[in-house]
C-alpha atoms as a PDB file:
ATOM      1  CA  UNK A   1    -228.549 -72.514  51.433  1.00  0.00           C
ATOM      2  CA  UNK A   2    -225.503 -70.626  50.162  1.00  0.00           C
ATOM      3  CA  UNK A   3    -225.290 -68.719  53.454  1.00  0.00           C
ATOM      4  CA  UNK A   4    -225.177 -71.991  55.398  1.00  0.00           C
ATOM      5  CA  UNK A   5    -222.415 -73.230  53.102  1.00  0.00           C
ATOM      6  CA  UNK A   6    -220.449 -70.052  53.674  1.00  0.00           C
ATOM      7  CA  UNK A   7    -220.815 -70.266  57.443  1.00  0.00           C
ATOM      8  CA  UNK A   8    -219.845 -73.951  57.456  1.00  0.00           C
ATOM      9  CA  UNK A   9    -216.946 -73.947  54.975  1.00  0.00           C
ATOM     10  CA  UNK A  10    -214.125 -73.228  57.433  1.00  0.00           C
ATOM     11  CA  UNK A  11    -215.412 -75.701  60.004  1.00  0.00           C
ATOM     12  CA  UNK A  12    -215.952 -78.333  57.287  1.00  0.00           C
ATOM     13  CA  UNK A  13    -212.310 -78.083  56.197  1.00  0.00           C
ATOM     14  CA  UNK A  14    -211.092 -78.230  59.809  1.00  0.00           C
ATOM     15  CA  UNK A  15    -213.284 -81.259  60.564  1.00  0.00           C
ATOM     16  CA  UNK A  16    -212.073 -82.976  57.389  1.00  0.00           C
ATOM     17  CA  UNK A  17    -208.470 -82.361  58.472  1.00  0.00           C
ATOM     18  CA  UNK A  18    -208.694 -82.994  62.229  1.00  0.00           C
ATOM     19  CA  UNK A  19    -211.265 -85.741  62.869  1.00  0.00           C
ATOM     20  CA  UNK A  20    -209.864 -89.325  62.667  1.00  0.00           C
ATOM     21  CA  UNK A  21    -211.795 -90.288  59.524  1.00  0.00           C
ATOM     22  CA  UNK A  22    -209.451 -93.203  58.792  1.00  0.00           C
ATOM     23  CA  UNK A  23    -211.221 -95.091  61.619  1.00  0.00           C
ATOM     24  CA  UNK A  24    -214.610 -94.933  59.854  1.00  0.00           C
ATOM     25  CA  UNK A  25    -216.270 -95.785  56.537  1.00  0.00           C
ATOM     26  CA  UNK A  26    -219.605 -93.940  56.524  1.00  0.00           C
ATOM     27  CA  UNK A  27    -220.929 -90.608  57.762  1.00  0.00           C
ATOM     28  CA  UNK A  28    -223.986 -88.389  57.687  1.00  0.00           C
ATOM     29  CA  UNK A  29    -224.470 -84.651  58.038  1.00  0.00           C
ATOM     30  CA  UNK A  30    -227.795 -83.737  59.681  1.00  0.00           C
ATOM     31  CA  UNK A  31    -229.352 -80.589  58.283  1.00  0.00           C
ATOM     32  CA  UNK A  32    -226.937 -80.652  55.394  1.00  0.00           C
ATOM     33  CA  UNK A  33    -228.331 -77.729  53.345  1.00  0.00           C
ATOM     34  CA  UNK A  34    -226.311 -77.605  50.080  1.00  0.00           C
ATOM     35  CA  UNK A  35    -223.883 -80.216  51.359  1.00  0.00           C
ATOM     36  CA  UNK A  36    -220.729 -78.250  52.174  1.00  0.00           C
ATOM     37  CA  UNK A  37    -219.625 -80.595  54.964  1.00  0.00           C
ATOM     38  CA  UNK A  38    -220.263 -83.912  53.172  1.00  0.00           C
ATOM     39  CA  UNK A  39    -218.634 -82.622  49.974  1.00  0.00           C
ATOM     40  CA  UNK A  40    -215.579 -81.359  51.841  1.00  0.00           C
ATOM     41  CA  UNK A  41    -215.130 -84.517  53.935  1.00  0.00           C
ATOM     42  CA  UNK A  42    -215.682 -86.850  50.961  1.00  0.00           C
ATOM     43  CA  UNK A  43    -213.183 -84.960  48.785  1.00  0.00           C
ATOM     44  CA  UNK A  44    -210.558 -85.170  51.548  1.00  0.00           C
ATOM     45  CA  UNK A  45    -211.173 -88.857  52.317  1.00  0.00           C
ATOM     46  CA  UNK A  46    -211.838 -91.015  49.230  1.00  0.00           C
ATOM     47  CA  UNK A  47    -212.531 -94.123  51.335  1.00  0.00           C
ATOM     48  CA  UNK A  48    -215.683 -92.553  52.863  1.00  0.00           C
ATOM     49  CA  UNK A  49    -219.281 -92.627  51.703  1.00  0.00           C
ATOM     50  CA  UNK A  50    -221.662 -90.021  53.057  1.00  0.00           C
ATOM     51  CA  UNK A  51    -225.229 -88.873  53.369  1.00  0.00           C
ATOM     52  CA  UNK A  52    -226.651 -85.386  53.586  1.00  0.00           C
ATOM     53  CA  UNK A  53    -229.951 -85.438  55.450  1.00  0.00           C
ATOM     54  CA  UNK A  54    -232.291 -82.500  55.051  1.00  0.00           C
ATOM     55  CA  UNK A  55    -235.895 -81.737  54.168  1.00  0.00           C
ATOM     56  CA  UNK A  56    -236.976 -83.219  50.833  1.00  0.00           C
ATOM     57  CA  UNK A  57    -237.313 -79.888  48.927  1.00  0.00           C
ATOM     58  CA  UNK A  58    -233.544 -79.372  49.379  1.00  0.00           C
ATOM     59  CA  UNK A  59    -232.692 -82.441  47.249  1.00  0.00           C
ATOM     60  CA  UNK A  60    -232.095 -80.742  43.845  1.00  0.00           C
ATOM     61  CA  UNK A  61    -229.975 -78.004  45.455  1.00  0.00           C
ATOM     62  CA  UNK A  62    -227.913 -80.605  47.334  1.00  0.00           C
ATOM     63  CA  UNK A  63    -227.459 -82.852  44.297  1.00  0.00           C
ATOM     64  CA  UNK A  64    -226.289 -79.965  42.099  1.00  0.00           C
ATOM     65  CA  UNK A  65    -223.784 -78.830  44.752  1.00  0.00           C
ATOM     66  CA  UNK A  66    -222.433 -82.378  45.280  1.00  0.00           C
ATOM     67  CA  UNK A  67    -222.140 -83.012  41.518  1.00  0.00           C
ATOM     68  CA  UNK A  68    -220.277 -79.730  41.056  1.00  0.00           C
ATOM     69  CA  UNK A  69    -217.754 -80.973  43.647  1.00  0.00           C
ATOM     70  CA  UNK A  70    -217.508 -84.346  41.865  1.00  0.00           C
ATOM     71  CA  UNK A  71    -218.394 -86.588  44.823  1.00  0.00           C
ATOM     72  CA  UNK A  72    -221.857 -87.711  43.703  1.00  0.00           C
ATOM     73  CA  UNK A  73    -220.598 -91.292  43.461  1.00  0.00           C
ATOM     74  CA  UNK A  74    -219.973 -91.346  47.242  1.00  0.00           C
ATOM     75  CA  UNK A  75    -222.378 -88.763  48.713  1.00  0.00           C
ATOM     76  CA  UNK A  76    -226.133 -89.045  48.453  1.00  0.00           C
ATOM     77  CA  UNK A  77    -229.136 -87.089  49.688  1.00  0.00           C
ATOM     78  CA  UNK A  78    -231.592 -88.500  52.215  1.00  0.00           C
ATOM     79  CA  UNK A  79    -234.824 -86.536  52.525  1.00  0.00           C
ATOM     80  CA  UNK A  80    -236.549 -86.327  55.866  1.00  0.00           C
ATOM     81  CA  UNK A  81    -236.903 -84.637  59.216  1.00  0.00           C
ATOM     82  CA  UNK A  82    -234.365 -85.471  61.896  1.00  0.00           C
ATOM     83  CA  UNK A  83    -237.163 -84.957  64.417  1.00  0.00           C
ATOM     84  CA  UNK A  84    -239.746 -87.249  62.830  1.00  0.00           C
ATOM     85  CA  UNK A  85    -237.969 -89.813  60.666  1.00  0.00           C
ATOM     86  CA  UNK A  86    -235.584 -92.649  61.539  1.00  0.00           C
ATOM     87  CA  UNK A  87    -231.944 -91.800  60.939  1.00  0.00           C
ATOM     88  CA  UNK A  88    -229.933 -93.859  58.455  1.00  0.00           C
ATOM     89  CA  UNK A  89    -227.272 -96.054  60.049  1.00  0.00           C
ATOM     90  CA  UNK A  90    -223.735 -94.712  59.618  1.00  0.00           C
ATOM     91  CA  UNK A  91    -220.465 -94.687  61.587  1.00  0.00           C
ATOM     92  CA  UNK A  92    -220.307 -90.912  62.223  1.00  0.00           C
ATOM     93  CA  UNK A  93    -223.078 -88.337  62.484  1.00  0.00           C
ATOM     94  CA  UNK A  94    -222.245 -84.639  62.205  1.00  0.00           C
ATOM     95  CA  UNK A  95    -224.529 -81.904  63.517  1.00  0.00           C
ATOM     96  CA  UNK A  96    -223.258 -78.473  62.503  1.00  0.00           C
ATOM     97  CA  UNK A  97    -225.088 -75.346  63.596  1.00  0.00           C
ATOM     98  CA  UNK A  98    -228.066 -77.538  64.475  1.00  0.00           C
ATOM     99  CA  UNK A  99    -228.295 -77.925  68.245  1.00  0.00           C
ATOM    100  CA  UNK A 100    -228.328 -74.200  68.953  1.00  0.00           C
ATOM    101  CA  UNK A 101    -231.682 -73.920  67.133  1.00  0.00           C
ATOM    102  CA  UNK A 102    -233.577 -75.928  69.739  1.00  0.00           C
ATOM    103  CA  UNK A 103    -234.565 -75.885  73.406  1.00  0.00           C
ATOM    104  CA  UNK A 104    -232.870 -78.134  75.960  1.00  0.00           C
ATOM    105  CA  UNK A 105    -235.376 -81.006  75.712  1.00  0.00           C
ATOM    106  CA  UNK A 106    -235.078 -81.014  71.909  1.00  0.00           C
ATOM    107  CA  UNK A 107    -231.265 -80.873  72.088  1.00  0.00           C
ATOM    108  CA  UNK A 108    -231.190 -83.933  74.344  1.00  0.00           C
ATOM    109  CA  UNK A 109    -233.790 -85.755  72.219  1.00  0.00           C
ATOM    110  CA  UNK A 110    -231.716 -85.210  69.060  1.00  0.00           C
ATOM    111  CA  UNK A 111    -228.530 -86.401  70.770  1.00  0.00           C
ATOM    112  CA  UNK A 112    -230.402 -89.475  72.032  1.00  0.00           C
ATOM    113  CA  UNK A 113    -231.701 -90.204  68.561  1.00  0.00           C
ATOM    114  CA  UNK A 114    -228.166 -89.891  67.160  1.00  0.00           C
ATOM    115  CA  UNK A 115    -226.824 -92.212  69.878  1.00  0.00           C
ATOM    116  CA  UNK A 116    -229.451 -94.827  69.004  1.00  0.00           C
ATOM    117  CA  UNK A 117    -228.586 -94.628  65.279  1.00  0.00           C
ATOM    118  CA  UNK A 118    -224.845 -95.149  65.748  1.00  0.00           C
ATOM    119  CA  UNK A 119    -223.113 -98.528  66.036  1.00  0.00           C
ATOM    120  CA  UNK A 120    -220.854 -99.370  68.950  1.00  0.00           C
ATOM    121  CA  UNK A 121    -217.650 -97.430  68.288  1.00  0.00           C
ATOM    122  CA  UNK A 122    -219.541 -94.789  66.299  1.00  0.00           C
ATOM    123  CA  UNK A 123    -219.124 -91.056  66.849  1.00  0.00           C
ATOM    124  CA  UNK A 124    -221.088 -87.830  66.860  1.00  0.00           C
ATOM    125  CA  UNK A 125    -219.495 -84.516  65.946  1.00  0.00           C
ATOM    126  CA  UNK A 126    -221.384 -81.425  67.091  1.00  0.00           C
ATOM    127  CA  UNK A 127    -220.074 -78.054  65.997  1.00  0.00           C
ATOM    128  CA  UNK A 128    -221.329 -74.594  66.787  1.00  0.00           C
ATOM    129  CA  UNK A 129    -219.940 -71.354  68.186  1.00  0.00           C
ATOM    130  CA  UNK A 130    -219.327 -73.243  71.432  1.00  0.00           C
ATOM    131  CA  UNK A 131    -219.181 -70.868  74.402  1.00  0.00           C
ATOM    132  CA  UNK A 132    -216.157 -71.246  76.653  1.00  0.00           C
ATOM    133  CA  UNK A 133    -217.021 -72.822  80.010  1.00  0.00           C
ATOM    134  CA  UNK A 134    -216.237 -69.576  81.910  1.00  0.00           C
ATOM    135  CA  UNK A 135    -218.398 -67.581  79.479  1.00  0.00           C
ATOM    136  CA  UNK A 136    -215.673 -64.941  79.081  1.00  0.00           C
ATOM    137  CA  UNK A 137    -213.822 -65.514  75.796  1.00  0.00           C
ATOM    138  CA  UNK A 138    -216.137 -66.452  72.929  1.00  0.00           C
ATOM    139  CA  UNK A 139    -218.128 -63.231  72.595  1.00  0.00           C
ATOM    140  CA  UNK A 140    -219.424 -64.407  69.203  1.00  0.00           C
ATOM    141  CA  UNK A 141    -220.895 -67.536  70.829  1.00  0.00           C
ATOM    142  CA  UNK A 142    -222.550 -65.442  73.529  1.00  0.00           C
ATOM    143  CA  UNK A 143    -223.998 -63.069  70.928  1.00  0.00           C
ATOM    144  CA  UNK A 144    -225.139 -66.002  68.792  1.00  0.00           C
ATOM    145  CA  UNK A 145    -226.930 -67.399  71.835  1.00  0.00           C
ATOM    146  CA  UNK A 146    -228.762 -64.086  72.271  1.00  0.00           C
ATOM    147  CA  UNK A 147    -229.589 -64.163  68.557  1.00  0.00           C
ATOM    148  CA  UNK A 148    -231.016 -67.689  68.840  1.00  0.00           C
ATOM    149  CA  UNK A 149    -233.139 -66.653  71.831  1.00  0.00           C
ATOM    150  CA  UNK A 150    -234.588 -63.846  69.696  1.00  0.00           C
ATOM    151  CA  UNK A 151    -235.065 -65.860  66.488  1.00  0.00           C
ATOM    152  CA  UNK A 152    -236.327 -69.187  67.860  1.00  0.00           C
ATOM    153  CA  UNK A 153    -238.864 -70.288  70.470  1.00  0.00           C
ATOM    154  CA  UNK A 154    -236.195 -71.881  72.688  1.00  0.00           C
ATOM    155  CA  UNK A 155    -232.827 -72.090  70.937  1.00  0.00           C
ATOM    156  CA  UNK A 156    -229.586 -71.088  72.622  1.00  0.00           C
ATOM    157  CA  UNK A 157    -225.876 -71.639  72.269  1.00  0.00           C
ATOM    158  CA  UNK A 158    -224.062 -73.591  74.961  1.00  0.00           C
ATOM    159  CA  UNK A 159    -220.736 -74.364  76.562  1.00  0.00           C
ATOM    160  CA  UNK A 160    -218.512 -77.317  75.774  1.00  0.00           C
ATOM    161  CA  UNK A 161    -219.184 -78.764  79.216  1.00  0.00           C
ATOM    162  CA  UNK A 162    -222.961 -78.437  78.678  1.00  0.00           C
ATOM    163  CA  UNK A 163    -222.753 -80.371  75.408  1.00  0.00           C
ATOM    164  CA  UNK A 164    -220.469 -83.045  76.856  1.00  0.00           C
ATOM    165  CA  UNK A 165    -222.847 -83.517  79.811  1.00  0.00           C
ATOM    166  CA  UNK A 166    -225.815 -83.944  77.446  1.00  0.00           C
ATOM    167  CA  UNK A 167    -223.831 -86.466  75.404  1.00  0.00           C
ATOM    168  CA  UNK A 168    -222.929 -88.481  78.502  1.00  0.00           C
ATOM    169  CA  UNK A 169    -226.533 -88.289  79.702  1.00  0.00           C
ATOM    170  CA  UNK A 170    -227.795 -89.999  76.526  1.00  0.00           C
ATOM    171  CA  UNK A 171    -225.096 -92.681  76.648  1.00  0.00           C
ATOM    172  CA  UNK A 172    -221.903 -91.530  74.930  1.00  0.00           C
ATOM    173  CA  UNK A 173    -218.983 -93.023  76.854  1.00  0.00           C
ATOM    174  CA  UNK A 174    -216.220 -90.567  75.946  1.00  0.00           C
ATOM    175  CA  UNK A 175    -216.360 -86.924  74.934  1.00  0.00           C
ATOM    176  CA  UNK A 176    -213.827 -84.296  73.999  1.00  0.00           C
ATOM    177  CA  UNK A 177    -213.700 -80.760  72.629  1.00  0.00           C
ATOM    178  CA  UNK A 178    -211.470 -79.452  69.850  1.00  0.00           C
ATOM    179  CA  UNK A 179    -211.282 -75.924  68.429  1.00  0.00           C
ATOM    180  CA  UNK A 180    -212.000 -75.526  64.717  1.00  0.00           C
ATOM    181  CA  UNK A 181    -211.778 -72.088  63.103  1.00  0.00           C
ATOM    182  CA  UNK A 182    -212.984 -68.700  64.295  1.00  0.00           C
ATOM    183  CA  UNK A 183    -215.568 -69.061  67.043  1.00  0.00           C
ATOM    184  CA  UNK A 184    -216.475 -72.673  66.151  1.00  0.00           C
ATOM    185  CA  UNK A 185    -215.409 -75.736  68.096  1.00  0.00           C
ATOM    186  CA  UNK A 186    -216.461 -79.362  67.801  1.00  0.00           C
ATOM    187  CA  UNK A 187    -217.624 -81.597  70.609  1.00  0.00           C
ATOM    188  CA  UNK A 188    -217.032 -85.267  69.828  1.00  0.00           C
ATOM    189  CA  UNK A 189    -218.908 -88.098  71.518  1.00  0.00           C
ATOM    190  CA  UNK A 190    -217.931 -91.758  71.169  1.00  0.00           C
ATOM    191  CA  UNK A 191    -220.386 -94.613  71.623  1.00  0.00           C
END
């Protein structure tokens, strides 16, 4: 859990600073682990309430982390599987270092499930080590993709254009890409 927090900390701060949170009231981080992203976003934007969704055994770890960051009054844990369980309704859903774990059909299914859970005007934020469309600049993203192919049955990293195409395929009307920190970028889809 601590490793996931460490990997996500820079991106969490960049997302807190660069996403237009003033347009929204609620958010959820899928596969939240300790809760680095929800804690960071909630601390930066006191008007927001958030949810960290992860498997039920993670709850005490998440709650301790969130309490230590003093946002337990606005961030709560939701136990469940994003594959099997319905997603809570929120304005923004964040998926950080999630999509690269799964094969193409699972990636599209998860994006479709997120689309269905969002209200009109809602947004999804996907962040990973997004590979540049020419596959020439983000060597870390390319190596991470190789790593995912070795570690998972079908996972792989992807380009910004790939992710935007999947988002449009499931119904998102507008998409855009923004760099974060290091090799990470975020792909934003608007419903």
